[in-house]
Protein backbone atom coordinates (compact mmCIF):
# COMPACT_ATOMS: atom_id res chain seq x y z
CA UNK A 1 125.47 66.29 159.27
CA UNK A 2 125.31 68.62 156.01
CA UNK A 3 125.08 72.19 156.28
CA UNK A 4 121.56 73.64 155.05
CA UNK A 5 122.41 76.15 152.12
CA UNK A 6 118.82 77.85 150.79
CA UNK A 7 119.53 77.75 147.04
CA UNK A 8 116.92 79.29 144.68
CA UNK A 9 115.19 76.91 142.34
CA UNK A 10 114.38 79.01 139.19
CA UNK A 11 110.90 78.91 137.89
CA UNK A 12 108.96 80.31 135.30
CA UNK A 13 104.83 80.96 134.63
CA UNK A 14 103.41 79.03 131.85
CA UNK A 15 99.92 79.48 130.53
CA UNK A 16 97.95 76.57 130.03
CA UNK A 17 96.50 75.99 126.84
CA UNK A 18 94.90 73.02 127.30
CA UNK A 19 91.38 72.17 126.06
CA UNK A 20 90.31 71.83 129.80
CA UNK A 21 88.22 74.93 130.49
CA UNK A 22 89.16 74.86 134.49
CA UNK A 23 92.72 75.01 133.45
CA UNK A 24 92.95 76.91 130.12
CA UNK A 25 94.16 80.34 130.46
CA UNK A 26 95.70 80.25 133.82
CA UNK A 27 99.16 80.55 134.54
CA UNK A 28 101.39 77.77 136.45
CA UNK A 29 104.46 77.80 138.08
CA UNK A 30 106.97 75.46 136.40
CA UNK A 31 110.74 74.53 137.06
CA UNK A 32 113.20 76.27 134.91
CA UNK A 33 115.21 73.87 133.71
CA UNK A 34 119.29 74.69 133.34
CA UNK A 35 119.70 71.32 131.56
CA UNK A 36 120.60 67.97 132.62
CA UNK A 37 123.90 66.45 134.35
CA UNK A 38 124.95 63.00 133.16
CA UNK A 39 127.02 60.54 135.30
CA UNK A 40 130.64 62.25 133.95
CA UNK A 41 129.13 65.74 134.79
CA UNK A 42 127.83 64.76 138.17
CA UNK A 43 131.38 63.25 138.48
CA UNK A 44 132.58 66.75 137.63
CA UNK A 45 130.48 68.41 139.95
CA UNK A 46 131.28 66.13 142.96
CA UNK A 47 135.31 66.59 142.09
CA UNK A 48 134.46 70.75 142.19
CA UNK A 49 133.57 70.06 146.09
CA UNK A 50 136.90 68.45 146.32
CA UNK A 51 135.79 65.01 147.15
CA UNK A 52 136.60 62.40 144.46
CA UNK A 53 140.33 61.91 144.15
CA UNK A 54 140.46 57.83 143.59
CA UNK A 55 138.66 54.59 143.80
CA UNK A 56 139.00 54.35 147.59
CA UNK A 57 136.56 57.04 148.10
CA UNK A 58 133.76 55.16 146.58
CA UNK A 59 131.83 55.36 150.30
CA UNK A 60 132.55 58.93 150.52
CA UNK A 61 131.14 59.40 146.90
CA UNK A 62 128.15 57.58 147.25
CA UNK A 63 127.44 59.45 150.60
CA UNK A 64 127.97 62.77 148.98
CA UNK A 65 125.48 61.92 146.00
CA UNK A 66 122.70 62.58 148.79
CA UNK A 67 123.87 66.20 149.12
CA UNK A 68 124.83 66.90 145.60
CA UNK A 69 121.57 65.80 143.88
CA UNK A 70 119.45 67.69 146.27
CA UNK A 71 121.80 70.99 145.59
CA UNK A 72 121.54 70.85 141.67
CA UNK A 73 117.88 69.90 141.77
CA UNK A 74 117.34 72.88 143.83
CA UNK A 75 119.39 75.01 141.27
CA UNK A 76 117.08 73.73 138.11
CA UNK A 77 119.66 71.06 137.17
CA UNK A 78 118.55 67.72 136.41
CA UNK A 79 120.94 64.72 136.90
CA UNK A 80 120.93 61.48 135.45
CA UNK A 81 123.04 58.47 136.65
CA UNK A 82 124.20 55.78 134.27
CA UNK A 83 122.16 52.62 135.14
CA UNK A 84 119.98 54.28 137.86
CA UNK A 85 117.74 56.95 136.38
CA UNK A 86 117.30 60.61 136.00
CA UNK A 87 116.30 63.00 138.82
CA UNK A 88 114.52 66.15 137.93
CA UNK A 89 112.20 68.41 140.05
CA UNK A 90 108.83 69.94 139.22
CA UNK A 91 106.55 72.39 140.84
CA UNK A 92 102.71 71.77 141.76
CA UNK A 93 100.97 75.19 141.34
CA UNK A 94 97.76 76.45 141.25
CA UNK A 95 96.75 78.30 138.27
CA UNK A 96 96.32 82.30 138.09
CA UNK A 97 94.01 84.22 135.80
CA UNK A 98 96.79 86.67 135.04
CA UNK A 99 100.50 86.31 135.14
CA UNK A 100 100.98 89.80 137.48
CA UNK A 101 98.54 88.13 139.97
CA UNK A 102 100.70 85.03 140.49
CA UNK A 103 102.25 84.57 143.72
CA UNK A 104 104.09 81.71 144.97
CA UNK A 105 102.73 82.14 148.50
CA UNK A 106 99.28 81.72 147.39
CA UNK A 107 99.35 79.49 144.20
CA UNK A 108 102.85 77.40 144.83
CA UNK A 109 101.67 73.85 146.54
CA UNK A 110 104.80 72.64 146.45
CA UNK A 111 107.78 71.11 144.79
CA UNK A 112 107.89 67.44 143.80
CA UNK A 113 110.70 65.17 143.04
CA UNK A 114 110.91 62.85 140.31
CA UNK A 115 112.95 59.74 139.19
CA UNK A 116 112.58 58.17 136.07
CA UNK A 117 114.19 54.83 136.73
CA UNK A 118 116.64 53.64 133.77
CA UNK A 119 117.96 50.08 133.12
CA UNK A 120 120.41 49.34 130.29
CA UNK A 121 118.08 45.76 130.03
CA UNK A 122 115.00 47.53 130.15
CA UNK A 123 115.72 51.00 129.32
CA UNK A 124 113.16 53.69 130.42
CA UNK A 125 111.66 51.72 133.58
CA UNK A 126 108.16 52.89 133.33
CA UNK A 127 105.56 51.31 135.59
CA UNK A 128 103.97 49.31 132.86
CA UNK A 129 107.59 47.78 132.26
CA UNK A 130 108.24 47.44 135.92
CA UNK A 131 104.36 45.64 136.24
CA UNK A 132 105.43 43.22 133.30
CA UNK A 133 108.41 41.85 135.39
CA UNK A 134 107.18 41.32 138.76
CA UNK A 135 104.61 39.37 140.28
CA UNK A 136 101.93 40.76 142.88
CA UNK A 137 101.47 39.19 146.02
CA UNK A 138 98.38 39.75 148.14
CA UNK A 139 98.84 40.57 151.55
CA UNK A 140 95.38 41.41 152.45
CA UNK A 141 93.31 44.75 154.24
CA UNK A 142 95.06 47.34 156.35
CA UNK A 143 93.08 49.58 158.75
CA UNK A 144 93.90 52.22 160.49
CA UNK A 145 92.80 52.52 164.28
CA UNK A 146 93.69 54.69 167.08
CA UNK A 147 95.24 52.55 170.27
CA UNK A 148 96.17 54.50 173.22
CA UNK A 149 96.29 58.11 170.97
CA UNK A 150 98.19 56.79 168.36
CA UNK A 151 97.35 55.52 165.18
CA UNK A 152 98.24 51.90 164.43
CA UNK A 153 97.92 50.26 161.01
CA UNK A 154 96.61 46.54 161.29
CA UNK A 155 97.21 44.24 158.45
CA UNK A 156 94.27 41.73 158.20
CA UNK A 157 95.59 38.71 156.31
CA UNK A 158 93.31 36.30 154.18
CA UNK A 159 92.47 33.14 155.76
CA UNK A 160 93.61 30.39 153.84
CA UNK A 161 90.87 27.43 153.12
CA UNK A 162 91.97 24.17 155.00
CA UNK A 163 90.86 21.59 153.12
């Protein structure tokens, strides 16, 4: 198991200047981006970890991705892997009336991980593009019930008409 390292995610406070009266003028925490690494940059970063030496280490390299990507994201560096997508963090923050009154413990709700899928065939794989490339199959309705003190999800499949 990978060693846990507490790296500092850089953030800035940004005043909202939207027309929404509930948000305008309040300050929100935002990730301070230090740039974006492409596949070559990620490979060079991984070499710095002493892992990548030859093609026979592909499995190790792929395994190391699960450590390197969170490490870089936690430092405010986005990662783009050609043919896969771009990974980047953002902060979910409540607004503060004044930047001097902004408190991470009070205003920060969490850190979100975003993955912007990318496909050479499709380009930026948005949800609308993905929807246009797949079909949906209705599976029924789900219901959460308590059984023996545990929550269970039950799928109620549609009954097909018999003719």
